[in-house]
Amino acid sequence: MMKYAWIEDDKVRDVCHANPIDCYHPDVAKFYDTLVPDDAQNGDGWVDGQLIKPEPPAPPAPPPRTWDAADVRQHLSLTEKVRWDNNVAPEIVTAKQEFATKRNLEDTTEILEMLVLSGSISQASADKVVA
């Protein structure tokens, strides 16, 4: 079974699921002058008598990754976790305060660099955090 559609600018503007004369005033029904397949939907393309389905939209990009104190701690060595848990250095206290809210990559990298430079964590641990 075919449906009638109102085609405008090579697109299906609207599909009528019955005889357009039965659904619309004759001044409007006259625009439903093209037979289209049953799967035609508003917005589909119609070029040279062929139905063209639009490309499905790309999935949304995932939100940028963020890190908090728990994300950092899980990648530390056991010795570093002891220092972290016991606030051995003022840098650790500051880092934990900074990571009280989720941080983006740039902020996380800056905080990790400070921890590495202070000797609170190793570069290998910092690399694991952002990997």
N, C-alpha and C. Protein backbone atom coordinates (compact mmCIF):
# COMPACT_ATOMS: atom_id res chain seq x y z
N MET A 1 0.84 -1.19 0.00
CA MET A 1 0.00 0.00 0.00
C MET A 1 0.88 1.24 0.00
N MET A 2 0.47 2.22 -0.72
CA MET A 2 1.22 3.47 -0.82
C MET A 2 0.46 4.58 -0.09
N LYS A 3 1.20 5.61 0.27
CA LYS A 3 0.63 6.79 0.91
C LYS A 3 0.87 7.98 0.00
N TYR A 4 0.12 9.03 0.24
CA TYR A 4 0.34 10.27 -0.48
C TYR A 4 1.16 11.21 0.41
N ALA A 5 2.06 11.95 -0.24
CA ALA A 5 2.90 12.88 0.51
C ALA A 5 2.93 14.23 -0.17
N TRP A 6 3.17 15.22 0.63
CA TRP A 6 3.42 16.59 0.17
C TRP A 6 4.93 16.70 0.10
N ILE A 7 5.46 16.83 -1.11
CA ILE A 7 6.90 16.93 -1.33
C ILE A 7 7.24 18.39 -1.58
N GLU A 8 8.28 18.86 -0.89
CA GLU A 8 8.71 20.25 -1.05
C GLU A 8 10.23 20.28 -0.91
N ASP A 9 10.91 20.87 -1.87
CA ASP A 9 12.38 20.98 -1.86
C ASP A 9 13.05 19.62 -1.67
N ASP A 10 12.59 18.63 -2.42
CA ASP A 10 13.17 17.28 -2.40
C ASP A 10 13.08 16.61 -1.02
N LYS A 11 12.09 17.00 -0.22
CA LYS A 11 11.87 16.39 1.09
C LYS A 11 10.39 16.11 1.27
N VAL A 12 10.12 15.07 2.05
CA VAL A 12 8.75 14.76 2.41
C VAL A 12 8.35 15.74 3.50
N ARG A 13 7.50 16.67 3.12
CA ARG A 13 7.04 17.67 4.11
C ARG A 13 6.01 17.05 5.05
N ASP A 14 5.09 16.26 4.46
CA ASP A 14 4.05 15.64 5.28
C ASP A 14 3.51 14.42 4.55
N VAL A 15 3.11 13.42 5.31
CA VAL A 15 2.54 12.20 4.75
C VAL A 15 1.08 12.12 5.18
N CYS A 16 0.23 11.75 4.24
CA CYS A 16 -1.19 11.53 4.55
C CYS A 16 -1.43 10.03 4.50
N HIS A 17 -2.00 9.49 5.57
CA HIS A 17 -2.20 8.04 5.69
C HIS A 17 -3.52 7.57 5.10
N ALA A 18 -4.23 8.48 4.43
CA ALA A 18 -5.51 8.15 3.78
C ALA A 18 -5.57 8.96 2.49
N ASN A 19 -6.72 8.96 1.86
CA ASN A 19 -6.89 9.79 0.68
C ASN A 19 -6.90 11.26 1.13
N PRO A 20 -6.00 12.08 0.58
CA PRO A 20 -5.90 13.47 1.03
C PRO A 20 -7.22 14.24 0.94
N ILE A 21 -8.05 13.92 -0.05
CA ILE A 21 -9.35 14.59 -0.20
C ILE A 21 -10.24 14.32 1.01
N ASP A 22 -10.07 13.14 1.64
CA ASP A 22 -10.86 12.78 2.81
C ASP A 22 -10.33 13.45 4.09
N CYS A 23 -9.11 13.96 4.04
CA CYS A 23 -8.48 14.48 5.25
C CYS A 23 -8.34 16.01 5.28
N TYR A 24 -8.26 16.61 4.08
CA TYR A 24 -7.94 18.03 4.02
C TYR A 24 -8.90 18.77 3.10
N HIS A 25 -8.95 20.04 3.28
CA HIS A 25 -9.67 20.93 2.36
C HIS A 25 -9.01 20.77 0.99
N PRO A 26 -9.77 20.87 -0.08
CA PRO A 26 -9.20 20.70 -1.42
C PRO A 26 -8.02 21.64 -1.71
N ASP A 27 -8.01 22.83 -1.11
CA ASP A 27 -6.89 23.74 -1.34
C ASP A 27 -5.59 23.20 -0.73
N VAL A 28 -5.70 22.37 0.28
CA VAL A 28 -4.52 21.75 0.91
C VAL A 28 -4.27 20.37 0.31
N ALA A 29 -5.32 19.61 0.09
CA ALA A 29 -5.20 18.24 -0.43
C ALA A 29 -4.43 18.20 -1.75
N LYS A 30 -4.51 19.26 -2.54
CA LYS A 30 -3.84 19.25 -3.85
C LYS A 30 -2.32 19.13 -3.73
N PHE A 31 -1.75 19.48 -2.55
CA PHE A 31 -0.30 19.38 -2.36
C PHE A 31 0.16 17.94 -2.11
N TYR A 32 -0.77 17.08 -1.70
CA TYR A 32 -0.47 15.67 -1.44
C TYR A 32 -0.63 14.90 -2.75
N ASP A 33 0.30 15.14 -3.66
CA ASP A 33 0.16 14.62 -5.01
C ASP A 33 1.18 13.55 -5.39
N THR A 34 1.94 13.06 -4.42
CA THR A 34 2.99 12.09 -4.71
C THR A 34 2.77 10.81 -3.91
N LEU A 35 2.73 9.70 -4.63
CA LEU A 35 2.65 8.40 -3.95
C LEU A 35 4.04 8.03 -3.43
N VAL A 36 4.09 7.66 -2.15
CA VAL A 36 5.36 7.28 -1.53
C VAL A 36 5.18 5.94 -0.83
N PRO A 37 6.28 5.22 -0.58
CA PRO A 37 6.18 3.93 0.13
C PRO A 37 5.64 4.11 1.55
N ASP A 38 5.15 3.01 2.10
CA ASP A 38 4.57 3.03 3.45
C ASP A 38 5.56 3.49 4.52
N ASP A 39 6.84 3.26 4.31
CA ASP A 39 7.81 3.63 5.34
C ASP A 39 8.26 5.10 5.23
N ALA A 40 7.68 5.85 4.32
CA ALA A 40 8.03 7.27 4.18
C ALA A 40 7.58 8.03 5.43
N GLN A 41 8.43 8.91 5.88
CA GLN A 41 8.14 9.73 7.05
C GLN A 41 8.47 11.18 6.76
N ASN A 42 7.84 12.07 7.51
CA ASN A 42 8.15 13.49 7.38
C ASN A 42 9.65 13.69 7.56
N GLY A 43 10.24 14.48 6.66
CA GLY A 43 11.67 14.76 6.74
C GLY A 43 12.53 13.87 5.87
N ASP A 44 11.98 12.75 5.37
CA ASP A 44 12.75 11.90 4.46
C ASP A 44 13.01 12.68 3.17
N GLY A 45 14.08 12.28 2.49
CA GLY A 45 14.36 12.87 1.18
C GLY A 45 13.53 12.20 0.11
N TRP A 46 13.27 12.95 -0.96
CA TRP A 46 12.55 12.41 -2.12
C TRP A 46 13.21 12.99 -3.35
N VAL A 47 14.06 12.19 -4.00
CA VAL A 47 14.83 12.67 -5.14
C VAL A 47 14.62 11.72 -6.30
N ASP A 48 14.21 12.27 -7.42
CA ASP A 48 13.98 11.49 -8.64
C ASP A 48 13.09 10.29 -8.38
N GLY A 49 12.03 10.50 -7.59
CA GLY A 49 11.07 9.44 -7.33
C GLY A 49 11.56 8.36 -6.37
N GLN A 50 12.66 8.62 -5.69
CA GLN A 50 13.22 7.64 -4.75
C GLN A 50 13.20 8.20 -3.33
N LEU A 51 12.77 7.38 -2.40
CA LEU A 51 12.78 7.75 -0.99
C LEU A 51 14.20 7.62 -0.46
N ILE A 52 14.66 8.64 0.22
CA ILE A 52 16.01 8.63 0.79
C ILE A 52 15.89 8.88 2.29
N LYS A 53 16.23 7.87 3.05
CA LYS A 53 16.19 8.00 4.51
C LYS A 53 17.41 8.81 4.97
N PRO A 54 17.20 9.73 5.91
CA PRO A 54 18.34 10.52 6.39
C PRO A 54 19.30 9.64 7.19
N GLU A 55 20.55 10.06 7.23
CA GLU A 55 21.56 9.37 8.04
C GLU A 55 21.16 9.50 9.50
N PRO A 56 21.30 8.43 10.26
CA PRO A 56 20.99 8.56 11.69
C PRO A 56 21.97 9.54 12.33
N PRO A 57 21.51 10.28 13.31
CA PRO A 57 22.41 11.24 13.94
C PRO A 57 23.56 10.53 14.65
N ALA A 58 24.69 11.19 14.67
CA ALA A 58 25.85 10.63 15.36
C ALA A 58 25.56 10.60 16.86
N PRO A 59 26.05 9.57 17.53
CA PRO A 59 25.81 9.54 18.98
C PRO A 59 26.49 10.74 19.63
N PRO A 60 25.92 11.23 20.71
CA PRO A 60 26.53 12.39 21.36
C PRO A 60 27.92 12.05 21.89
N ALA A 61 28.77 13.03 21.87
CA ALA A 61 30.12 12.83 22.39
C ALA A 61 30.04 12.63 23.90
N PRO A 62 30.85 11.72 24.42
CA PRO A 62 30.82 11.54 25.88
C PRO A 62 31.33 12.80 26.57
N PRO A 63 30.87 13.04 27.77
CA PRO A 63 31.36 14.22 28.48
C PRO A 63 32.86 14.07 28.75
N PRO A 64 33.55 15.18 28.86
CA PRO A 64 35.00 15.07 29.14
C PRO A 64 35.23 14.36 30.47
N ARG A 65 36.29 13.63 30.52
CA ARG A 65 36.63 12.88 31.73
C ARG A 65 37.02 13.85 32.84
N THR A 66 36.69 13.47 34.07
CA THR A 66 37.08 14.24 35.24
C THR A 66 37.64 13.29 36.30
N TRP A 67 38.37 13.86 37.27
CA TRP A 67 39.00 13.09 38.32
C TRP A 67 38.68 13.70 39.67
N ASP A 68 38.60 12.84 40.69
CA ASP A 68 38.47 13.30 42.07
C ASP A 68 39.51 12.56 42.91
N ALA A 69 39.49 12.79 44.22
CA ALA A 69 40.50 12.20 45.11
C ALA A 69 40.50 10.67 45.03
N ALA A 70 39.33 10.06 44.94
CA ALA A 70 39.26 8.60 44.87
C ALA A 70 39.90 8.08 43.58
N ASP A 71 39.72 8.81 42.48
CA ASP A 71 40.33 8.41 41.21
C ASP A 71 41.85 8.44 41.31
N VAL A 72 42.38 9.43 42.01
CA VAL A 72 43.83 9.54 42.19
C VAL A 72 44.33 8.41 43.08
N ARG A 73 43.70 8.26 44.24
CA ARG A 73 44.17 7.29 45.23
C ARG A 73 44.24 5.88 44.67
N GLN A 74 43.27 5.49 43.87
CA GLN A 74 43.25 4.09 43.40
C GLN A 74 44.43 3.74 42.51
N HIS A 75 45.14 4.74 41.99
CA HIS A 75 46.29 4.46 41.11
C HIS A 75 47.64 4.65 41.80
N LEU A 76 47.62 4.92 43.09
CA LEU A 76 48.87 5.11 43.82
C LEU A 76 49.43 3.77 44.29
N SER A 77 50.75 3.73 44.49
CA SER A 77 51.36 2.54 45.08
C SER A 77 50.95 2.48 46.54
N LEU A 78 51.19 1.37 47.17
CA LEU A 78 50.82 1.21 48.58
C LEU A 78 51.52 2.25 49.45
N THR A 79 52.80 2.47 49.21
CA THR A 79 53.55 3.48 49.98
C THR A 79 52.96 4.86 49.77
N GLU A 80 52.58 5.18 48.55
CA GLU A 80 51.98 6.49 48.26
C GLU A 80 50.60 6.61 48.91
N LYS A 81 49.85 5.52 48.97
CA LYS A 81 48.54 5.54 49.63
C LYS A 81 48.69 5.84 51.11
N VAL A 82 49.73 5.29 51.75
CA VAL A 82 49.98 5.58 53.17
C VAL A 82 50.24 7.06 53.34
N ARG A 83 51.09 7.64 52.49
CA ARG A 83 51.36 9.09 52.56
C ARG A 83 50.08 9.88 52.32
N TRP A 84 49.32 9.47 51.30
CA TRP A 84 48.07 10.16 50.93
C TRP A 84 47.07 10.12 52.09
N ASP A 85 46.87 8.94 52.66
CA ASP A 85 45.87 8.77 53.73
C ASP A 85 46.25 9.50 55.01
N ASN A 86 47.55 9.69 55.24
CA ASN A 86 48.01 10.31 56.48
C ASN A 86 48.45 11.76 56.30
N ASN A 87 48.16 12.33 55.14
CA ASN A 87 48.48 13.74 54.89
C ASN A 87 49.93 14.08 55.26
N VAL A 88 50.86 13.21 54.81
CA VAL A 88 52.27 13.34 55.16
C VAL A 88 52.88 14.66 54.71
N ALA A 89 52.42 15.21 53.60
CA ALA A 89 53.00 16.45 53.07
C ALA A 89 51.89 17.48 52.85
N PRO A 90 52.24 18.77 52.99
CA PRO A 90 51.23 19.80 52.74
C PRO A 90 50.69 19.74 51.30
N GLU A 91 51.53 19.26 50.38
CA GLU A 91 51.08 19.13 48.99
C GLU A 91 49.94 18.13 48.87
N ILE A 92 49.98 17.08 49.67
CA ILE A 92 48.92 16.07 49.66
C ILE A 92 47.63 16.68 50.20
N VAL A 93 47.74 17.46 51.27
CA VAL A 93 46.56 18.12 51.83
C VAL A 93 45.93 19.03 50.78
N THR A 94 46.75 19.83 50.12
CA THR A 94 46.25 20.74 49.10
C THR A 94 45.64 19.97 47.93
N ALA A 95 46.32 18.92 47.49
CA ALA A 95 45.79 18.11 46.37
C ALA A 95 44.43 17.52 46.73
N LYS A 96 44.29 17.00 47.91
CA LYS A 96 43.01 16.41 48.33
C LYS A 96 41.92 17.48 48.38
N GLN A 97 42.28 18.69 48.81
CA GLN A 97 41.30 19.78 48.80
C GLN A 97 40.90 20.13 47.37
N GLU A 98 41.87 20.17 46.48
CA GLU A 98 41.58 20.48 45.07
C GLU A 98 40.71 19.40 44.44
N PHE A 99 40.96 18.15 44.81
CA PHE A 99 40.19 17.04 44.25
C PHE A 99 38.89 16.79 45.00
N ALA A 100 38.52 17.67 45.92
CA ALA A 100 37.22 17.54 46.59
C ALA A 100 36.08 17.71 45.59
N THR A 101 36.37 18.42 44.50
CA THR A 101 35.43 18.51 43.38
C THR A 101 36.11 17.91 42.15
N LYS A 102 35.32 17.38 41.27
CA LYS A 102 35.86 16.77 40.06
C LYS A 102 36.68 17.80 39.28
N ARG A 103 37.79 17.37 38.72
CA ARG A 103 38.70 18.24 37.96
C ARG A 103 38.87 17.72 36.54
N ASN A 104 39.06 18.67 35.60
CA ASN A 104 39.30 18.30 34.21
C ASN A 104 40.75 17.86 34.03
N LEU A 105 41.12 17.46 32.83
CA LEU A 105 42.46 16.94 32.56
C LEU A 105 43.53 17.98 32.85
N GLU A 106 43.32 19.21 32.43
CA GLU A 106 44.33 20.25 32.64
C GLU A 106 44.60 20.48 34.13
N ASP A 107 43.52 20.61 34.91
CA ASP A 107 43.69 20.81 36.36
C ASP A 107 44.32 19.59 37.01
N THR A 108 43.86 18.41 36.62
CA THR A 108 44.39 17.18 37.20
C THR A 108 45.87 17.04 36.92
N THR A 109 46.27 17.34 35.69
CA THR A 109 47.69 17.25 35.32
C THR A 109 48.53 18.21 36.16
N GLU A 110 48.03 19.42 36.34
CA GLU A 110 48.77 20.42 37.13
C GLU A 110 48.94 19.94 38.58
N ILE A 111 47.88 19.42 39.17
CA ILE A 111 47.95 18.95 40.56
C ILE A 111 48.89 17.75 40.67
N LEU A 112 48.80 16.83 39.72
CA LEU A 112 49.69 15.66 39.74
C LEU A 112 51.15 16.05 39.57
N GLU A 113 51.41 17.03 38.70
CA GLU A 113 52.80 17.51 38.52
C GLU A 113 53.34 18.06 39.83
N MET A 114 52.52 18.80 40.57
CA MET A 114 52.94 19.33 41.87
C MET A 114 53.26 18.19 42.83
N LEU A 115 52.44 17.14 42.82
CA LEU A 115 52.69 16.00 43.70
C LEU A 115 53.97 15.26 43.32
N VAL A 116 54.23 15.15 42.02
CA VAL A 116 55.46 14.49 41.56
C VAL A 116 56.67 15.33 41.94
N LEU A 117 56.62 16.63 41.68
CA LEU A 117 57.75 17.51 41.99
C LEU A 117 58.05 17.55 43.49
N SER A 118 57.04 17.40 44.31
CA SER A 118 57.25 17.40 45.76
C SER A 118 57.74 16.05 46.28
N GLY A 119 57.71 15.04 45.42
CA GLY A 119 58.12 13.70 45.83
C GLY A 119 57.02 12.93 46.54
N SER A 120 55.79 13.44 46.50
CA SER A 120 54.68 12.77 47.18
C SER A 120 54.21 11.54 46.43
N ILE A 121 54.30 11.59 45.10
CA ILE A 121 53.95 10.43 44.27
C ILE A 121 54.98 10.32 43.14
N SER A 122 55.03 9.18 42.51
CA SER A 122 55.95 8.97 41.39
C SER A 122 55.32 9.41 40.09
N GLN A 123 56.15 9.64 39.08
CA GLN A 123 55.64 9.96 37.77
C GLN A 123 54.82 8.81 37.20
N ALA A 124 55.24 7.58 37.51
CA ALA A 124 54.51 6.40 37.03
C ALA A 124 53.07 6.40 37.57
N SER A 125 52.92 6.76 38.85
CA SER A 125 51.57 6.81 39.43
C SER A 125 50.76 7.92 38.80
N ALA A 126 51.38 9.08 38.59
CA ALA A 126 50.68 10.19 37.95
C ALA A 126 50.20 9.78 36.56
N ASP A 127 51.06 9.07 35.83
CA ASP A 127 50.70 8.61 34.50
C ASP A 127 49.51 7.64 34.54
N LYS A 128 49.48 6.77 35.55
CA LYS A 128 48.37 5.82 35.69
C LYS A 128 47.06 6.55 35.96
N VAL A 129 47.12 7.63 36.72
CA VAL A 129 45.90 8.35 37.07
C VAL A 129 45.22 8.86 35.80
N VAL A 130 45.97 9.44 34.89
CA VAL A 130 45.36 10.07 33.70
C VAL A 130 45.29 9.14 32.50
N ALA A 131 45.77 7.91 32.65
CA ALA A 131 45.73 6.96 31.53
C ALA A 131 44.32 6.55 31.19
